[in-house]
Amino acid sequence: MKRRNLLRCALAAGLTAPAFAALTAARTDVDQALSPDTPQDLADLEAAAESYGYGYHGQQPTRVLADLVTDFATLRPLLTVPQPAPIRARLCRTAGQMAGMTAIVLHDLGSRRESRAWFATAARASAESGDDQLHAWVLAREAMVPLNYGAPKAAADLADQARHAAGTRPTAAATLAAAVAARAYAVNHQSEQARAALAAADALMGRLPESERSDTWLTYGEQKHHVHLSHAYTTLGDTARAHESQQRALELSAPTSTMTRTLLHIDDAACAHHDGDSEQACRRTIAALTGLPDGYRTGLVRRRALDLYEAIPTEHHHERAVRELRDVLAA
């Protein structure tokens, strides 16, 4: 009777703020009784994770990192209270996705130690979620840290773990794991294993469902496939196939995909070096680096350019183009 009178008084003046507050209170009481353990923010956080999966969209990596970590922190109070198993699994899955994407940004920025720590958190969350494909995706993405920063054997071990976790079905995680394994084998001078992994990645890509082919961090589209092939074939010295993948990846990359396009241009430069034109390789790398906006000439991009510089024999380091590249890297 008391609530009825309160509602009548609140509604007597129309649909005002107090009226809406009273209506909301009545609805929330029943809603919580119907699903007492379902966090109201969970759907929003799942949508946020999906949105982050579309990458930088021309934003500076540090800005994306700040937004990601802010939303990730919102998960903590939801994970510290008891939840029904299906809700707990969804929360852990979202935590695994967000932690994994945070690790990707840190990797791109060159913060290897922090990246590995976030991947460890992502692995724990994905394992608890029960989502084998998410766990495989985390391992495959983590393998790119040692791959890009000088530990190809460790990268191959992680990629092999990812392939095992993903299984034999054509999934985004399985395809990514095979492609990353190919790159790691190539860098580790295991050309036979690299080509076998490339063949496996191509075969999985050919059977990959359309639902997993979109261009996001969490899926595996044609553009991403050719980015991986570009690096693998460049490292193997198969410059003809590398150029094919570079061209196709650039066609599929948005103009705002600054980091990806730069890495492809550096792969192209590395092909020039492999084909005997180190001067042109340096010129192309300098153009790729100096064309970058502030905040991008660090981390992975700098590492890839430095790899090219270090591949040039020291007896050529006195040459003008090589010296200019050294100066750009030192800036």
Protein backbone atom coordinates (compact mmCIF):
# COMPACT_ATOMS: atom_id res chain seq x y z
CA MET A 1 0.00 0.00 0.00
CA LYS A 2 2.85 2.39 0.83
CA ARG A 3 4.56 1.81 -2.52
CA ARG A 4 1.26 2.24 -4.38
CA ASN A 5 0.71 5.63 -2.73
CA LEU A 6 4.27 6.69 -3.46
CA LEU A 7 3.90 5.74 -7.11
CA ARG A 8 0.59 7.56 -7.42
CA CYS A 9 2.07 10.71 -5.91
CA ALA A 10 5.13 10.51 -8.14
CA LEU A 11 3.08 9.95 -11.29
CA ALA A 12 0.50 12.61 -10.49
CA ALA A 13 2.84 15.25 -11.92
CA GLY A 14 3.50 13.19 -15.06
CA LEU A 15 6.59 11.34 -16.26
CA THR A 16 9.04 13.47 -14.33
CA ALA A 17 12.44 12.49 -12.96
CA PRO A 18 10.99 11.35 -9.60
CA ALA A 19 8.38 9.29 -11.47
CA PHE A 20 11.02 7.57 -13.59
CA ALA A 21 13.09 6.91 -10.46
CA ALA A 22 10.11 5.24 -8.78
CA LEU A 23 9.36 3.16 -11.89
CA THR A 24 13.00 2.13 -12.18
CA ALA A 25 13.12 1.09 -8.54
CA ALA A 26 10.04 -1.12 -9.00
CA ARG A 27 11.42 -2.71 -12.16
CA THR A 28 14.90 -3.25 -10.70
CA ASP A 29 13.52 -5.05 -7.65
CA VAL A 30 11.80 -7.66 -9.84
CA ASP A 31 14.61 -7.74 -12.41
CA GLN A 32 17.14 -8.59 -9.72
CA ALA A 33 14.86 -11.29 -8.40
CA LEU A 34 14.62 -12.82 -11.87
CA SER A 35 18.40 -12.81 -12.45
CA PRO A 36 20.05 -11.96 -9.16
CA ASP A 37 23.58 -12.82 -10.24
CA THR A 38 23.76 -11.34 -13.74
CA PRO A 39 25.89 -8.17 -13.71
CA GLN A 40 24.11 -5.38 -15.52
CA ASP A 41 27.40 -4.14 -17.02
CA LEU A 42 28.41 -7.47 -18.56
CA ALA A 43 26.77 -6.94 -21.97
CA ASP A 44 28.31 -3.46 -22.20
CA LEU A 45 31.75 -4.84 -21.38
CA GLU A 46 31.38 -7.62 -23.96
CA ALA A 47 30.43 -5.02 -26.55
CA ALA A 48 33.41 -2.88 -25.53
CA ALA A 49 35.76 -5.84 -25.99
CA GLU A 50 34.33 -6.44 -29.46
CA SER A 51 34.81 -2.78 -30.31
CA TYR A 52 38.45 -2.75 -29.18
CA GLY A 53 39.05 -5.73 -31.44
CA TYR A 54 38.82 -3.45 -34.48
CA GLY A 55 42.24 -2.03 -33.63
CA TYR A 56 43.66 1.46 -33.57
CA HIS A 57 41.53 3.13 -36.27
CA GLY A 58 44.15 5.84 -36.64
CA GLN A 59 44.34 6.53 -32.89
CA GLN A 60 47.66 6.61 -31.09
CA PRO A 61 48.37 3.28 -29.38
CA THR A 62 48.77 4.99 -26.00
CA ARG A 63 45.24 6.39 -26.20
CA VAL A 64 43.78 2.97 -27.04
CA LEU A 65 45.80 1.49 -24.18
CA ALA A 66 44.36 3.97 -21.67
CA ASP A 67 40.78 3.23 -22.75
CA LEU A 68 41.32 -0.53 -22.74
CA VAL A 69 42.81 -0.66 -19.27
CA THR A 70 40.09 1.61 -17.88
CA ASP A 71 37.38 -0.76 -19.09
CA PHE A 72 39.38 -3.81 -18.04
CA ALA A 73 39.50 -2.47 -14.47
CA THR A 74 35.68 -2.37 -14.48
CA LEU A 75 35.69 -6.18 -14.52
CA ARG A 76 37.35 -6.50 -11.12
CA PRO A 77 34.32 -5.96 -8.85
CA LEU A 78 32.28 -8.32 -11.03
CA LEU A 79 34.91 -11.05 -10.72
CA THR A 80 35.27 -10.74 -6.94
CA VAL A 81 31.70 -11.81 -6.10
CA PRO A 82 30.19 -15.28 -6.62
CA GLN A 83 28.54 -15.73 -10.02
CA PRO A 84 26.69 -18.61 -11.69
CA ALA A 85 29.09 -20.67 -13.83
CA PRO A 86 27.83 -19.38 -17.21
CA ILE A 87 28.16 -15.74 -16.07
CA ARG A 88 31.60 -16.39 -14.60
CA ALA A 89 32.68 -17.92 -17.93
CA ARG A 90 31.48 -14.84 -19.85
CA LEU A 91 33.29 -12.51 -17.45
CA CYS A 92 36.51 -14.51 -17.77
CA ARG A 93 36.20 -14.59 -21.54
CA THR A 94 35.82 -10.81 -21.67
CA ALA A 95 38.74 -10.40 -19.26
CA GLY A 96 40.86 -12.68 -21.44
CA GLN A 97 40.02 -10.71 -24.58
CA MET A 98 40.71 -7.32 -22.98
CA ALA A 99 43.93 -8.46 -21.29
CA GLY A 100 45.11 -10.01 -24.56
CA MET A 101 44.41 -6.83 -26.53
CA THR A 102 46.15 -4.74 -23.86
CA ALA A 103 49.17 -7.03 -24.28
CA ILE A 104 49.04 -6.50 -28.07
CA VAL A 105 49.21 -2.71 -27.68
CA LEU A 106 52.07 -2.99 -25.18
CA HIS A 107 53.88 -5.29 -27.60
CA ASP A 108 53.42 -2.79 -30.42
CA LEU A 109 54.82 -0.06 -28.16
CA GLY A 110 57.89 -2.17 -27.40
CA SER A 111 57.12 -2.90 -23.74
CA ARG A 112 57.96 -6.59 -23.80
CA ARG A 113 57.93 -7.30 -20.06
CA GLU A 114 54.56 -5.64 -19.49
CA SER A 115 53.18 -7.32 -22.61
CA ARG A 116 54.17 -10.77 -21.33
CA ALA A 117 52.59 -10.01 -17.94
CA TRP A 118 49.29 -9.06 -19.56
CA PHE A 119 49.40 -12.14 -21.78
CA ALA A 120 49.85 -14.26 -18.64
CA THR A 121 46.70 -12.68 -17.18
CA ALA A 122 44.89 -13.23 -20.48
CA ALA A 123 45.95 -16.89 -20.48
CA ARG A 124 44.64 -17.43 -16.94
CA ALA A 125 41.34 -15.74 -17.75
CA SER A 126 40.88 -17.61 -21.03
CA ALA A 127 41.70 -20.94 -19.40
CA GLU A 128 39.13 -20.30 -16.67
CA SER A 129 36.54 -19.29 -19.27
CA GLY A 130 36.75 -22.75 -20.84
CA ASP A 131 37.10 -21.22 -24.31
CA ASP A 132 39.84 -23.28 -25.96
CA GLN A 133 39.94 -21.07 -29.05
CA LEU A 134 40.43 -17.93 -26.96
CA HIS A 135 43.22 -19.66 -25.04
CA ALA A 136 44.87 -20.66 -28.34
CA TRP A 137 44.51 -17.09 -29.64
CA VAL A 138 46.22 -15.72 -26.51
CA LEU A 139 49.13 -18.15 -26.90
CA ALA A 140 49.51 -17.36 -30.61
CA ARG A 141 49.48 -13.62 -30.00
CA GLU A 142 51.92 -14.02 -27.11
CA ALA A 143 54.27 -15.90 -29.43
CA MET A 144 54.64 -12.71 -31.45
CA VAL A 145 56.46 -11.01 -28.54
CA PRO A 146 59.56 -13.26 -28.62
CA LEU A 147 59.20 -13.56 -32.40
CA ASN A 148 59.49 -9.83 -32.95
CA TYR A 149 62.08 -9.22 -30.25
CA GLY A 150 64.78 -11.78 -30.96
CA ALA A 151 63.73 -15.13 -29.46
CA PRO A 152 62.36 -17.21 -32.37
CA LYS A 153 62.74 -20.57 -30.61
CA ALA A 154 60.59 -19.40 -27.70
CA ALA A 155 58.12 -18.03 -30.26
CA ALA A 156 57.94 -21.36 -32.08
CA ASP A 157 57.34 -23.20 -28.77
CA LEU A 158 54.43 -20.89 -27.90
CA ALA A 159 53.00 -21.12 -31.42
CA ASP A 160 53.16 -24.91 -31.24
CA GLN A 161 51.28 -24.79 -27.92
CA ALA A 162 48.69 -22.57 -29.58
CA ARG A 163 48.30 -24.99 -32.49
CA HIS A 164 47.77 -27.85 -30.07
CA ALA A 165 45.21 -25.88 -28.05
CA ALA A 166 43.31 -24.81 -31.17
CA GLY A 167 43.01 -28.31 -32.61
CA THR A 168 42.52 -29.17 -36.26
CA ARG A 169 39.29 -27.31 -36.99
CA PRO A 170 39.59 -24.27 -39.30
CA THR A 171 39.33 -21.48 -36.75
CA ALA A 172 40.86 -18.02 -36.53
CA ALA A 173 43.10 -19.13 -33.66
CA ALA A 174 44.32 -22.24 -35.48
CA THR A 175 45.12 -20.27 -38.64
CA LEU A 176 46.89 -17.53 -36.70
CA ALA A 177 48.92 -20.10 -34.75
CA ALA A 178 50.10 -21.81 -37.94
CA ALA A 179 51.05 -18.49 -39.55
CA VAL A 180 52.97 -17.32 -36.47
CA ALA A 181 54.72 -20.69 -36.25
CA ALA A 182 55.80 -20.30 -39.90
CA ARG A 183 57.32 -16.90 -39.15
CA ALA A 184 59.11 -18.21 -36.06
CA TYR A 185 60.56 -21.17 -37.97
CA ALA A 186 61.68 -18.85 -40.77
CA VAL A 187 63.48 -16.51 -38.37
CA ASN A 188 65.05 -19.56 -36.71
CA HIS A 189 66.38 -20.76 -40.11
CA GLN A 190 64.12 -23.83 -40.15
CA SER A 191 62.95 -23.34 -43.71
CA GLU A 192 61.40 -26.80 -44.16
CA GLN A 193 59.25 -26.45 -41.04
CA ALA A 194 58.39 -22.87 -42.02
CA ARG A 195 57.08 -23.90 -45.42
CA ALA A 196 55.09 -26.77 -43.87
CA ALA A 197 53.48 -24.32 -41.43
CA LEU A 198 52.75 -21.89 -44.29
CA ALA A 199 51.01 -24.67 -46.19
CA ALA A 200 48.97 -25.51 -43.08
CA ALA A 201 48.03 -21.85 -42.59
CA ASP A 202 46.94 -21.55 -46.23
CA ALA A 203 44.86 -24.72 -45.97
CA LEU A 204 43.14 -23.51 -42.79
CA MET A 205 42.56 -20.09 -44.33
CA GLY A 206 40.87 -21.72 -47.31
CA ARG A 207 38.36 -23.43 -45.01
CA LEU A 208 37.90 -20.62 -42.50
CA PRO A 209 34.22 -19.72 -41.96
CA GLU A 210 33.13 -16.24 -43.01
CA SER A 211 32.18 -15.50 -39.40
CA GLU A 212 35.87 -15.63 -38.44
CA ARG A 213 37.27 -13.72 -41.42
CA SER A 214 36.54 -10.14 -40.34
CA ASP A 215 39.45 -7.76 -39.90
CA THR A 216 39.82 -7.59 -36.12
CA TRP A 217 42.42 -8.54 -33.54
CA LEU A 218 40.20 -11.41 -32.40
CA THR A 219 39.49 -12.90 -35.83
CA TYR A 220 41.64 -13.67 -38.88
CA GLY A 221 40.95 -11.98 -42.19
CA GLU A 222 42.72 -12.11 -45.53
CA GLN A 223 44.59 -8.89 -44.80
CA LYS A 224 46.08 -10.31 -41.58
CA HIS A 225 46.96 -13.53 -43.39
CA HIS A 226 49.00 -11.71 -46.01
CA VAL A 227 50.74 -9.58 -43.38
CA HIS A 228 52.01 -12.79 -41.77
CA LEU A 229 52.90 -14.33 -45.14
CA SER A 230 54.79 -11.18 -46.09
CA HIS A 231 57.08 -11.45 -43.08
CA ALA A 232 57.52 -15.23 -43.40
CA TYR A 233 58.39 -15.15 -47.11
CA THR A 234 60.61 -12.08 -46.65
CA THR A 235 62.56 -13.90 -43.93
CA LEU A 236 62.83 -17.02 -46.10
CA GLY A 237 64.20 -14.90 -48.95
CA ASP A 238 61.28 -15.84 -51.23
CA THR A 239 60.92 -12.25 -52.39
CA ALA A 240 58.53 -12.95 -55.25
CA ARG A 241 55.91 -14.46 -52.93
CA ALA A 242 56.67 -11.83 -50.30
CA HIS A 243 55.93 -9.04 -52.79
CA GLU A 244 52.65 -10.71 -53.76
CA SER A 245 51.53 -10.79 -50.12
CA GLN A 246 52.76 -7.24 -49.47
CA GLN A 247 50.77 -5.91 -52.40
CA ARG A 248 47.62 -7.78 -51.43
CA ALA A 249 47.92 -6.79 -47.76
CA LEU A 250 48.35 -3.12 -48.70
CA GLU A 251 45.28 -3.31 -50.96
CA LEU A 252 43.26 -4.64 -48.02
CA SER A 253 44.70 -2.29 -45.37
CA ALA A 254 42.83 0.90 -44.54
CA PRO A 255 44.78 4.17 -44.86
CA THR A 256 44.48 4.51 -41.09
CA SER A 257 46.32 1.19 -40.52
CA THR A 258 49.53 3.14 -39.99
CA MET A 259 51.58 0.53 -38.18
CA THR A 260 50.61 -2.38 -40.43
CA ARG A 261 51.32 -0.46 -43.62
CA THR A 262 54.70 0.66 -42.29
CA LEU A 263 55.70 -2.90 -41.40
CA LEU A 264 54.75 -4.01 -44.92
CA HIS A 265 56.91 -1.26 -46.42
CA ILE A 266 59.82 -2.38 -44.23
CA ASP A 267 59.29 -5.97 -45.41
CA ASP A 268 59.47 -4.64 -48.97
CA ALA A 269 62.73 -2.89 -48.11
CA ALA A 270 64.12 -6.10 -46.60
CA CYS A 271 63.32 -7.88 -49.87
CA ALA A 272 65.37 -5.25 -51.72
CA HIS A 273 68.29 -5.94 -49.38
CA HIS A 274 67.95 -9.69 -49.92
CA ASP A 275 67.95 -9.13 -53.69
CA GLY A 276 71.23 -7.22 -53.43
CA ASP A 277 70.17 -3.56 -53.28
CA SER A 278 70.96 -2.49 -49.72
CA GLU A 279 70.98 1.19 -50.64
CA GLN A 280 67.41 1.02 -51.91
CA ALA A 281 66.47 -0.99 -48.83
CA CYS A 282 67.77 1.80 -46.58
CA ARG A 283 66.04 4.51 -48.63
CA ARG A 284 62.69 2.72 -48.44
CA THR A 285 63.02 2.12 -44.70
CA ILE A 286 63.93 5.77 -44.08
CA ALA A 287 60.88 6.86 -46.10
CA ALA A 288 58.64 4.50 -44.11
CA LEU A 289 59.95 5.75 -40.77
CA THR A 290 60.01 9.47 -41.51
CA GLY A 291 56.47 9.31 -42.87
CA LEU A 292 55.11 8.16 -39.53
CA PRO A 293 53.19 10.48 -37.18
CA ASP A 294 54.44 11.11 -33.65
CA GLY A 295 54.22 8.13 -31.35
CA TYR A 296 54.63 5.46 -34.01
CA ARG A 297 58.40 5.37 -34.60
CA THR A 298 58.96 3.14 -31.57
CA GLY A 299 58.45 -0.42 -30.44
CA LEU A 300 57.76 -2.99 -33.13
CA VAL A 301 58.26 -0.61 -36.07
CA ARG A 302 61.68 0.46 -34.81
CA ARG A 303 62.62 -3.16 -34.04
CA ARG A 304 61.77 -4.30 -37.58
CA ALA A 305 63.76 -1.42 -39.10
CA LEU A 306 66.67 -2.14 -36.78
CA ASP A 307 66.62 -5.79 -37.87
CA LEU A 308 67.11 -4.64 -41.45
CA TYR A 309 69.96 -2.30 -40.49
CA GLU A 310 71.71 -5.06 -38.54
CA ALA A 311 71.36 -7.44 -41.49
CA ILE A 312 73.56 -5.17 -43.60
CA PRO A 313 77.22 -6.28 -43.38
CA THR A 314 79.36 -3.94 -41.30
CA GLU A 315 81.67 -3.19 -44.20
CA HIS A 316 78.79 -1.28 -45.79
CA HIS A 317 77.92 0.77 -42.69
CA HIS A 318 80.06 3.68 -43.91
CA GLU A 319 77.85 4.13 -47.00
CA ARG A 320 75.64 7.19 -47.03
CA ALA A 321 72.22 5.49 -47.13
CA VAL A 322 73.18 3.10 -44.34
CA ARG A 323 74.47 5.97 -42.19
CA GLU A 324 71.25 7.92 -42.80
CA LEU A 325 69.18 4.95 -41.69
CA ARG A 326 71.31 4.63 -38.57
CA ASP A 327 70.75 8.30 -37.77
CA VAL A 328 66.97 8.01 -38.22
CA LEU A 329 66.91 4.99 -35.89
CA ALA A 330 68.96 6.87 -33.32
CA ALA A 331 66.72 9.94 -33.37
